N, C-alpha and C. Protein backbone atom coordinates (compact mmCIF):
# COMPACT_ATOMS: atom_id res chain seq x y z
N HIS A 1 -100.48 -11.66 -38.66
CA HIS A 1 -99.53 -10.92 -39.34
C HIS A 1 -100.57 -10.34 -40.28
N SER A 2 -101.96 -10.45 -40.10
CA SER A 2 -103.01 -9.39 -41.09
C SER A 2 -102.90 -8.11 -40.93
N HIS A 3 -103.13 -8.14 -39.23
CA HIS A 3 -102.81 -7.34 -38.47
C HIS A 3 -102.10 -5.76 -38.48
N PHE A 4 -100.40 -6.61 -38.62
CA PHE A 4 -99.45 -5.81 -39.09
C PHE A 4 -99.53 -5.46 -40.58
N PHE A 5 -100.04 -6.08 -41.66
CA PHE A 5 -100.06 -5.54 -42.65
C PHE A 5 -101.22 -4.48 -43.13
N THR A 6 -102.62 -4.71 -41.94
CA THR A 6 -103.59 -3.67 -42.45
C THR A 6 -102.87 -2.49 -41.49
N ARG A 7 -101.86 -2.20 -40.26
CA ARG A 7 -101.97 -0.90 -39.66
C ARG A 7 -100.50 -0.32 -40.85
N LEU A 8 -100.07 -1.49 -41.78
CA LEU A 8 -99.37 -0.66 -42.30
C LEU A 8 -100.09 -0.11 -44.11
N PHE A 9 -101.19 -0.66 -44.34
CA PHE A 9 -101.54 -0.05 -45.42
C PHE A 9 -102.13 1.27 -44.70
N MET A 10 -102.58 1.56 -43.74
CA MET A 10 -103.47 2.32 -42.89
C MET A 10 -102.60 3.60 -43.06
N PHE A 11 -100.75 3.42 -42.86
CA PHE A 11 -100.11 4.01 -42.05
C PHE A 11 -99.55 4.88 -44.00
N PHE A 12 -99.64 4.05 -44.71
CA PHE A 12 -99.27 4.59 -45.79
C PHE A 12 -100.47 5.22 -46.62
N SER A 13 -101.61 4.85 -46.60
CA SER A 13 -102.45 5.50 -47.37
C SER A 13 -102.40 6.58 -46.52
N HIS A 14 -102.24 7.15 -44.93
CA HIS A 14 -102.88 8.30 -44.66
C HIS A 14 -101.48 9.16 -45.00
N PHE A 15 -100.29 8.14 -44.86
CA PHE A 15 -99.28 9.36 -45.35
C PHE A 15 -99.09 9.73 -46.82
N LEU A 16 -99.76 9.07 -47.70
CA LEU A 16 -99.51 9.39 -48.74
C LEU A 16 -100.72 10.60 -49.24
N LEU A 17 -101.37 10.29 -48.46
CA LEU A 17 -103.16 11.30 -48.83
C LEU A 17 -102.54 12.74 -47.69
N SER A 18 -101.77 12.65 -46.88
CA SER A 18 -102.37 14.01 -46.08
C SER A 18 -100.95 14.63 -46.38
N ASN A 19 -99.56 13.94 -46.48
CA ASN A 19 -98.07 14.63 -46.55
C ASN A 19 -97.63 15.06 -47.71
N PRO A 20 -97.50 16.43 -47.83
CA PRO A 20 -96.86 16.86 -49.20
C PRO A 20 -95.34 16.04 -49.34
N PRO A 21 -95.11 16.12 -50.75
CA PRO A 21 -94.20 15.03 -51.00
C PRO A 21 -92.75 15.25 -49.91
N ASP A 22 -92.52 16.66 -49.40
CA ASP A 22 -91.19 17.28 -49.03
C ASP A 22 -91.25 16.46 -47.27
N THR A 23 -92.16 15.96 -47.17
CA THR A 23 -92.10 15.32 -45.65
C THR A 23 -91.55 13.95 -45.54
N PHE A 24 -91.39 12.94 -47.18
CA PHE A 24 -90.40 12.45 -46.37
C PHE A 24 -89.23 12.55 -46.17
N SER A 25 -88.49 13.59 -46.50
CA SER A 25 -87.56 14.06 -45.72
C SER A 25 -87.53 13.81 -44.36
N TYR A 26 -87.90 13.76 -43.43
CA TYR A 26 -87.79 13.00 -42.17
C TYR A 26 -87.72 12.02 -41.85
N PHE A 27 -87.71 11.17 -42.82
CA PHE A 27 -87.64 9.61 -42.60
C PHE A 27 -85.91 9.62 -42.37
N CYS A 28 -85.27 10.65 -42.57
CA CYS A 28 -83.19 10.78 -42.69
C CYS A 28 -83.11 10.97 -41.31
N CYS A 29 -83.78 11.52 -40.74
CA CYS A 29 -83.55 11.96 -39.40
C CYS A 29 -83.00 10.86 -38.37
N SER A 30 -81.41 10.91 -37.85
CA SER A 30 -81.13 9.81 -37.17
C SER A 30 -81.45 9.98 -35.87
N CYS A 31 -81.96 11.10 -35.71
CA CYS A 31 -81.77 11.20 -34.27
C CYS A 31 -82.98 12.14 -33.54
N SER A 32 -83.48 12.07 -32.21
CA SER A 32 -84.66 12.89 -31.68
C SER A 32 -84.16 14.36 -31.94
N ARG A 33 -82.93 14.66 -31.59
CA ARG A 33 -82.47 16.17 -31.50
C ARG A 33 -82.84 16.86 -33.28
N GLU A 34 -82.14 16.19 -34.20
CA GLU A 34 -82.76 15.80 -35.61
C GLU A 34 -83.70 16.21 -36.02
N CYS A 35 -84.64 14.98 -35.54
CA CYS A 35 -85.93 15.59 -35.76
C CYS A 35 -86.59 16.95 -34.93
N ILE A 36 -86.39 16.69 -33.72
CA ILE A 36 -86.87 17.61 -33.35
C ILE A 36 -86.69 19.39 -33.78
N GLN A 37 -85.64 19.61 -34.31
CA GLN A 37 -85.43 20.50 -34.62
C GLN A 37 -85.51 20.66 -36.44
N ALA A 38 -85.74 19.44 -37.20
CA ALA A 38 -85.97 19.39 -38.73
C ALA A 38 -87.47 20.26 -38.88
N ASP A 39 -88.43 20.75 -38.13
CA ASP A 39 -89.96 20.95 -38.02
C ASP A 39 -90.33 21.41 -37.15
N PRO A 40 -91.05 21.74 -36.46
CA PRO A 40 -91.74 22.38 -35.89
C PRO A 40 -93.07 21.46 -35.26
N GLN A 41 -93.51 20.69 -36.67
CA GLN A 41 -94.53 19.58 -36.56
C GLN A 41 -93.94 18.18 -36.24
N CYS A 42 -92.35 18.29 -36.26
CA CYS A 42 -91.96 16.61 -36.45
C CYS A 42 -91.84 15.93 -34.60
N ALA A 43 -92.36 14.79 -34.40
CA ALA A 43 -92.14 14.63 -33.32
C ALA A 43 -90.88 13.01 -33.54
N TRP A 44 -90.79 12.17 -32.23
CA TRP A 44 -90.04 11.31 -32.43
C TRP A 44 -90.63 9.71 -31.88
N CYS A 45 -90.41 8.91 -32.09
CA CYS A 45 -90.80 7.88 -31.68
C CYS A 45 -90.18 6.96 -31.02
N LEU A 46 -90.36 6.77 -29.42
CA LEU A 46 -89.30 5.89 -28.53
C LEU A 46 -89.73 4.53 -28.62
N ALA A 47 -90.54 3.80 -29.48
CA ALA A 47 -91.39 2.60 -29.21
C ALA A 47 -89.69 1.74 -29.79
N PRO A 48 -89.53 0.23 -28.81
CA PRO A 48 -88.74 -0.52 -29.45
C PRO A 48 -89.56 -0.98 -30.73
N ASP A 49 -88.30 -1.11 -31.42
CA ASP A 49 -88.89 -2.30 -32.63
C ASP A 49 -89.26 -1.32 -33.57
N PHE A 50 -89.72 -0.01 -33.17
CA PHE A 50 -90.62 1.00 -34.30
C PHE A 50 -89.86 1.19 -35.57
N TRP A 51 -90.82 0.69 -36.83
CA TRP A 51 -89.51 0.90 -37.78
C TRP A 51 -89.51 2.29 -38.34
N PHE A 52 -90.27 3.25 -37.98
CA PHE A 52 -89.51 4.86 -38.57
C PHE A 52 -89.97 5.72 -37.91
N ARG A 53 -89.09 6.18 -36.84
CA ARG A 53 -88.80 7.40 -35.97
C ARG A 53 -89.17 8.71 -35.61
N CYS A 54 -89.36 9.53 -36.96
CA CYS A 54 -89.36 10.86 -36.95
C CYS A 54 -90.61 11.57 -38.04
N HIS A 55 -91.75 11.37 -37.40
CA HIS A 55 -92.51 12.19 -38.36
C HIS A 55 -93.56 13.43 -37.64
N THR A 56 -94.86 13.39 -38.27
CA THR A 56 -95.85 14.51 -37.46
C THR A 56 -96.72 13.55 -36.23
N LEU A 57 -96.84 14.21 -35.24
CA LEU A 57 -97.62 13.60 -34.35
C LEU A 57 -98.56 12.51 -34.83
N GLU A 58 -99.32 13.12 -35.67
CA GLU A 58 -100.48 12.60 -36.21
C GLU A 58 -99.90 10.74 -36.86
N THR A 59 -99.04 11.66 -37.68
CA THR A 59 -98.59 10.32 -38.65
C THR A 59 -97.99 8.82 -37.55
N LEU A 60 -97.17 9.64 -36.89
CA LEU A 60 -96.42 8.61 -35.54
C LEU A 60 -97.58 7.63 -35.02
N LEU A 61 -98.93 8.27 -34.23
CA LEU A 61 -99.94 7.35 -34.15
C LEU A 61 -100.45 6.69 -34.73
N THR A 62 -100.93 7.14 -36.11
CA THR A 62 -101.56 6.82 -37.17
C THR A 62 -100.70 5.41 -37.34
N GLY A 63 -99.76 4.80 -37.42
CA GLY A 63 -98.56 3.78 -37.62
C GLY A 63 -98.54 2.97 -36.86
N GLY A 64 -98.86 3.87 -35.65
CA GLY A 64 -98.85 2.67 -34.43
C GLY A 64 -98.01 2.76 -33.79
N CYS A 65 -97.22 4.06 -32.96
CA CYS A 65 -96.19 4.35 -32.10
C CYS A 65 -96.97 4.71 -30.60
N PRO A 66 -97.08 3.89 -29.85
CA PRO A 66 -97.98 4.08 -28.59
C PRO A 66 -97.53 5.85 -28.13
N GLU A 67 -98.88 6.70 -27.28
CA GLU A 67 -98.41 7.88 -27.44
C GLU A 67 -97.24 7.92 -26.28
N ARG A 68 -97.28 7.18 -25.26
CA ARG A 68 -96.38 7.47 -24.09
C ARG A 68 -95.03 7.22 -24.56
N TYR A 69 -94.61 6.72 -25.74
CA TYR A 69 -93.21 6.66 -26.75
C TYR A 69 -93.17 7.91 -27.74
N ILE A 70 -93.48 8.57 -27.96
CA ILE A 70 -94.16 9.76 -28.41
C ILE A 70 -93.41 11.14 -27.62
N TYR A 71 -92.07 11.32 -27.81
CA TYR A 71 -91.26 12.89 -27.69
C TYR A 71 -91.54 13.84 -28.50
N ASN A 72 -92.06 14.80 -28.10
CA ASN A 72 -92.66 15.94 -28.91
C ASN A 72 -92.79 16.91 -27.73
N PRO A 73 -91.50 17.82 -27.70
CA PRO A 73 -91.54 18.93 -26.38
C PRO A 73 -92.11 20.05 -27.12
N GLN A 74 -92.75 20.40 -26.52
CA GLN A 74 -93.15 22.11 -26.45
C GLN A 74 -92.59 22.86 -25.59
N SER A 75 -92.88 24.62 -26.53
CA SER A 75 -92.50 25.78 -25.61
C SER A 75 -93.10 25.78 -24.88
N SER A 76 -92.26 26.34 -23.62
CA SER A 76 -93.20 26.73 -22.21
C SER A 76 -92.77 27.99 -21.33
N MET A 77 -93.22 28.75 -20.54
CA MET A 77 -92.92 29.23 -19.36
C MET A 77 -93.13 29.18 -18.07
N GLN A 78 -92.30 28.78 -17.31
CA GLN A 78 -92.75 29.25 -15.66
C GLN A 78 -91.85 30.31 -15.05
N VAL A 79 -93.02 31.00 -14.34
CA VAL A 79 -92.58 32.06 -13.63
C VAL A 79 -92.14 31.54 -12.01
N ALA A 80 -90.53 32.29 -12.10
CA ALA A 80 -90.06 31.83 -10.13
C ALA A 80 -90.35 32.93 -9.60
N LYS A 81 -90.62 33.83 -9.93
CA LYS A 81 -90.63 35.01 -8.81
C LYS A 81 -91.78 36.35 -9.87
N ASN A 82 -93.11 36.44 -8.94
CA ASN A 82 -93.95 37.15 -9.36
C ASN A 82 -93.94 38.08 -8.80
N GLU A 83 -93.53 39.22 -7.62
CA GLU A 83 -94.48 39.48 -6.58
C GLU A 83 -95.09 40.75 -6.75
N SER A 84 -96.32 41.06 -6.22
CA SER A 84 -96.99 42.17 -6.80
C SER A 84 -96.24 43.85 -6.52
N ARG A 85 -97.06 44.63 -7.40
CA ARG A 85 -96.88 45.83 -7.45
C ARG A 85 -96.16 46.41 -5.74
N LYS A 86 -95.72 46.74 -5.95
CA LYS A 86 -95.43 47.57 -4.77
C LYS A 86 -95.75 49.04 -4.79
N ASP A 87 -96.39 49.66 -3.32
CA ASP A 87 -96.95 51.24 -3.41
C ASP A 87 -96.16 52.22 -3.73
N SER A 88 -97.29 53.09 -4.53
CA SER A 88 -96.45 54.25 -4.88
C SER A 88 -94.46 54.48 -3.77
N ALA A 89 -95.12 54.55 -2.41
CA ALA A 89 -94.61 55.33 -1.66
C ALA A 89 -92.88 54.58 -1.37
N ASP A 90 -92.95 53.33 -2.86
CA ASP A 90 -91.83 52.53 -2.71
C ASP A 90 -90.97 53.68 -3.87
N SER A 91 -89.72 54.05 -3.46
CA SER A 91 -88.73 54.45 -4.36
C SER A 91 -88.14 54.07 -5.28
N THR A 92 -88.73 52.85 -5.91
CA THR A 92 -88.01 51.75 -7.04
C THR A 92 -88.24 52.60 -7.97
N PRO A 93 -88.22 52.81 -9.28
CA PRO A 93 -88.37 53.76 -10.05
C PRO A 93 -88.50 53.25 -11.37
N LEU A 94 -88.51 51.90 -11.46
CA LEU A 94 -89.44 50.87 -12.71
C LEU A 94 -89.46 49.46 -11.26
N PHE A 95 -90.46 49.03 -11.97
CA PHE A 95 -90.79 47.24 -11.48
C PHE A 95 -91.47 46.67 -12.40
N LEU A 96 -91.02 45.20 -12.58
CA LEU A 96 -91.45 44.55 -13.29
C LEU A 96 -92.22 43.22 -12.90
N GLN A 97 -93.17 42.58 -13.80
CA GLN A 97 -94.06 41.70 -13.08
C GLN A 97 -94.42 40.64 -14.36
N PRO A 98 -93.72 39.23 -14.16
CA PRO A 98 -92.46 38.90 -13.65
C PRO A 98 -91.12 39.09 -12.87
N GLN A 99 -91.11 38.95 -11.86
CA GLN A 99 -89.47 39.15 -11.91
C GLN A 99 -88.46 37.69 -12.41
N GLU A 100 -88.28 36.55 -12.25
CA GLU A 100 -87.73 35.84 -12.81
C GLU A 100 -88.79 34.74 -13.50
N PHE A 101 -88.17 34.17 -14.21
CA PHE A 101 -88.88 33.48 -15.02
C PHE A 101 -87.86 32.70 -16.10
N SER A 102 -88.53 31.51 -16.44
CA SER A 102 -87.83 30.79 -17.25
C SER A 102 -88.16 29.95 -18.71
N ILE A 103 -87.48 29.97 -20.03
CA ILE A 103 -88.49 29.77 -20.77
C ILE A 103 -87.84 28.52 -21.42
N GLN A 104 -88.36 27.69 -21.82
CA GLN A 104 -87.99 26.48 -22.54
C GLN A 104 -88.72 26.57 -24.24
N LEU A 105 -87.50 26.62 -24.96
CA LEU A 105 -88.27 27.30 -26.56
C LEU A 105 -87.92 25.52 -27.45
N ARG A 106 -88.89 25.40 -28.29
CA ARG A 106 -88.93 23.91 -29.08
C ARG A 106 -88.26 25.03 -30.35
N PRO A 107 -86.98 24.51 -31.48
CA PRO A 107 -86.62 25.67 -32.24
C PRO A 107 -88.15 25.42 -32.98
N GLY A 108 -88.01 26.52 -33.80
CA GLY A 108 -89.54 27.42 -34.81
C GLY A 108 -90.15 27.40 -34.31
N VAL A 109 -90.76 27.26 -32.92
CA VAL A 109 -92.00 27.59 -32.17
C VAL A 109 -91.97 28.47 -31.46
N PRO A 110 -92.42 29.94 -31.48
CA PRO A 110 -92.16 31.33 -30.87
C PRO A 110 -93.12 30.91 -29.23
N GLN A 111 -92.66 31.75 -28.44
CA GLN A 111 -93.09 31.50 -27.15
C GLN A 111 -93.54 33.00 -26.26
N SER A 112 -95.05 33.38 -26.39
CA SER A 112 -94.90 34.72 -25.85
C SER A 112 -95.67 35.10 -24.13
N PHE A 113 -95.24 35.89 -23.67
CA PHE A 113 -95.63 36.11 -22.52
C PHE A 113 -95.92 37.71 -22.28
N PRO A 114 -96.86 38.04 -20.91
CA PRO A 114 -96.75 39.62 -20.50
C PRO A 114 -95.78 40.23 -19.69
N LEU A 115 -95.44 40.96 -20.21
CA LEU A 115 -94.12 41.24 -18.97
C LEU A 115 -94.87 43.10 -18.60
N ASN A 116 -94.84 42.98 -17.87
CA ASN A 116 -95.63 44.03 -16.73
C ASN A 116 -95.20 45.19 -16.41
N ILE A 117 -94.85 46.42 -16.44
CA ILE A 117 -93.67 47.68 -16.36
C ILE A 117 -94.66 48.54 -15.31
N PHE A 118 -94.41 48.74 -14.29
CA PHE A 118 -94.92 50.16 -13.88
C PHE A 118 -94.02 50.91 -13.32
N MET A 119 -94.30 51.80 -13.47
CA MET A 119 -93.63 53.37 -13.56
C MET A 119 -93.82 54.64 -13.20
N PRO A 120 -93.20 55.35 -12.36
CA PRO A 120 -93.75 56.31 -11.57
C PRO A 120 -94.23 57.42 -12.82
N THR A 121 -95.43 58.24 -12.85
CA THR A 121 -95.81 58.82 -14.16
C THR A 121 -94.99 60.05 -14.01
N ASP A 122 -94.04 60.39 -12.34
CA ASP A 122 -93.81 61.44 -12.94
C ASP A 122 -92.68 61.92 -13.19
N GLN A 123 -91.64 61.04 -13.38
CA GLN A 123 -90.49 61.10 -14.06
C GLN A 123 -90.26 59.92 -15.19
N PRO A 124 -88.83 60.88 -16.28
CA PRO A 124 -89.25 59.84 -17.55
C PRO A 124 -87.93 58.65 -17.12
N THR A 125 -88.38 57.29 -17.73
CA THR A 125 -87.98 56.65 -17.61
C THR A 125 -87.50 55.41 -18.53
N ASP A 126 -86.13 55.09 -18.94
CA ASP A 126 -85.63 53.99 -19.99
C ASP A 126 -85.53 52.83 -19.35
N LEU A 127 -86.18 51.95 -20.43
CA LEU A 127 -85.88 51.04 -19.97
C LEU A 127 -85.06 49.94 -20.82
N THR A 128 -83.67 49.20 -20.21
CA THR A 128 -83.04 48.26 -20.46
C THR A 128 -83.42 46.83 -19.95
N LEU A 129 -82.98 46.29 -21.47
CA LEU A 129 -83.48 44.51 -21.47
C LEU A 129 -82.05 44.25 -21.51
N ASP A 130 -81.73 43.57 -20.67
CA ASP A 130 -80.24 42.58 -20.77
C ASP A 130 -80.37 41.16 -21.28
N ILE A 131 -79.98 41.26 -22.42
CA ILE A 131 -79.86 40.27 -22.78
C ILE A 131 -78.91 39.37 -23.20
N SER A 132 -77.53 39.21 -22.02
CA SER A 132 -76.38 39.14 -22.65
C SER A 132 -76.24 37.78 -22.54
N ASP A 133 -77.22 37.05 -21.66
CA ASP A 133 -77.12 35.34 -21.32
C ASP A 133 -77.62 34.64 -22.34
N VAL A 134 -78.57 35.52 -23.20
CA VAL A 134 -79.09 35.15 -24.33
C VAL A 134 -78.16 33.75 -25.10
N PRO A 135 -78.76 32.93 -25.18
CA PRO A 135 -77.80 32.21 -26.48
C PRO A 135 -78.37 32.63 -27.84
N ASP A 136 -77.03 32.66 -28.86
CA ASP A 136 -76.83 32.72 -30.03
C ASP A 136 -78.17 31.86 -30.34
N GLY A 137 -78.89 32.61 -31.85
CA GLY A 137 -80.22 31.58 -32.56
C GLY A 137 -81.21 32.39 -31.79
N VAL A 138 -81.61 33.04 -30.46
CA VAL A 138 -82.92 33.07 -29.52
C VAL A 138 -83.09 34.22 -30.26
N ASN A 139 -84.53 34.82 -30.68
CA ASN A 139 -84.32 36.16 -31.06
C ASN A 139 -85.68 36.83 -30.28
N ILE A 140 -85.49 38.01 -29.74
CA ILE A 140 -86.73 38.68 -28.84
C ILE A 140 -87.20 39.63 -29.56
N THR A 141 -88.71 39.35 -29.10
CA THR A 141 -89.24 40.39 -29.98
C THR A 141 -90.48 40.77 -28.44
N LEU A 142 -90.25 42.75 -28.63
CA LEU A 142 -90.97 43.60 -27.81
C LEU A 142 -91.76 44.14 -28.65
N ASN A 143 -93.21 44.25 -27.81
CA ASN A 143 -94.50 45.12 -28.25
C ASN A 143 -95.48 45.41 -27.51
N SER A 144 -96.21 46.33 -27.61
CA SER A 144 -96.53 46.91 -26.90
C SER A 144 -98.19 46.46 -26.58
N ALA A 145 -98.16 45.58 -25.60
CA ALA A 145 -99.89 44.57 -25.86
C ALA A 145 -100.83 45.45 -26.09
N ALA A 146 -101.02 46.68 -25.53
CA ALA A 146 -102.47 47.48 -25.94
C ALA A 146 -102.13 49.07 -26.14
N LYS A 147 -102.40 48.61 -27.24
CA LYS A 147 -102.31 50.39 -28.07
C LYS A 147 -102.13 51.60 -27.26
N GLY A 148 -101.29 52.01 -27.41
CA GLY A 148 -100.72 53.93 -26.23
C GLY A 148 -100.75 53.50 -25.27
N ASN A 149 -100.42 52.28 -24.58
CA ASN A 149 -99.80 51.74 -22.70
C ASN A 149 -98.94 51.17 -23.40
N PRO A 150 -97.99 51.94 -23.25
CA PRO A 150 -96.32 50.96 -23.01
C PRO A 150 -95.95 50.58 -21.65
N ARG A 151 -96.79 50.42 -20.72
CA ARG A 151 -96.53 49.53 -19.84
C ARG A 151 -96.99 48.10 -19.47
N LEU A 152 -97.34 47.40 -21.01
CA LEU A 152 -97.99 46.38 -20.80
C LEU A 152 -97.08 45.76 -22.11
N VAL A 153 -95.95 44.97 -21.90
CA VAL A 153 -94.90 44.46 -22.92
C VAL A 153 -95.30 43.30 -23.43
N GLN A 154 -95.54 43.16 -24.86
CA GLN A 154 -95.51 41.31 -25.41
C GLN A 154 -94.57 40.89 -25.85
N VAL A 155 -93.90 39.86 -24.61
CA VAL A 155 -92.01 39.77 -25.24
C VAL A 155 -92.75 38.06 -26.25
N ARG A 156 -92.05 37.94 -27.13
CA ARG A 156 -92.07 36.97 -27.92
C ARG A 156 -90.66 36.48 -28.35
N THR A 157 -90.05 34.89 -28.12
CA THR A 157 -88.97 34.56 -28.21
C THR A 157 -89.46 33.48 -29.22
N THR A 158 -88.06 33.42 -30.28
CA THR A 158 -88.08 32.44 -30.81
C THR A 158 -86.95 31.51 -30.80
N LEU A 159 -86.67 30.36 -31.01
CA LEU A 159 -85.14 29.67 -31.40
C LEU A 159 -84.83 29.13 -32.73
């Protein structure tokens, strides 16, 4: 019993000293989806019989939730197709690299990735980005990554 009370005391000491008062609201999350959407810092403890579920990763670990039971998804990008640039003899007026990719977004956490655009220098070119399949709530921002170089674009997505 003393081990349990020691851990309980350590958790509340850490919780009260390191978290602002509004983090108490994380206790009200009743499911992992609600928890993960509450704040980018929130994680969910899946351990059986753990007495609270939703809080920051550090607080869950300090409170005794084993790391293997913590659900804390991160934003990521996976490239599916990234063929190298063709020779200038290719008649393709515009070439992108990568050509196909998938993005996993965590709510409130932006994901950035480079998008290289190769264009013939002797032709004016318009770039059109088709975002018709992008779900509601996803924001996409395009920025030139290299000052004065419109051929390298930094794409930032946020859910």
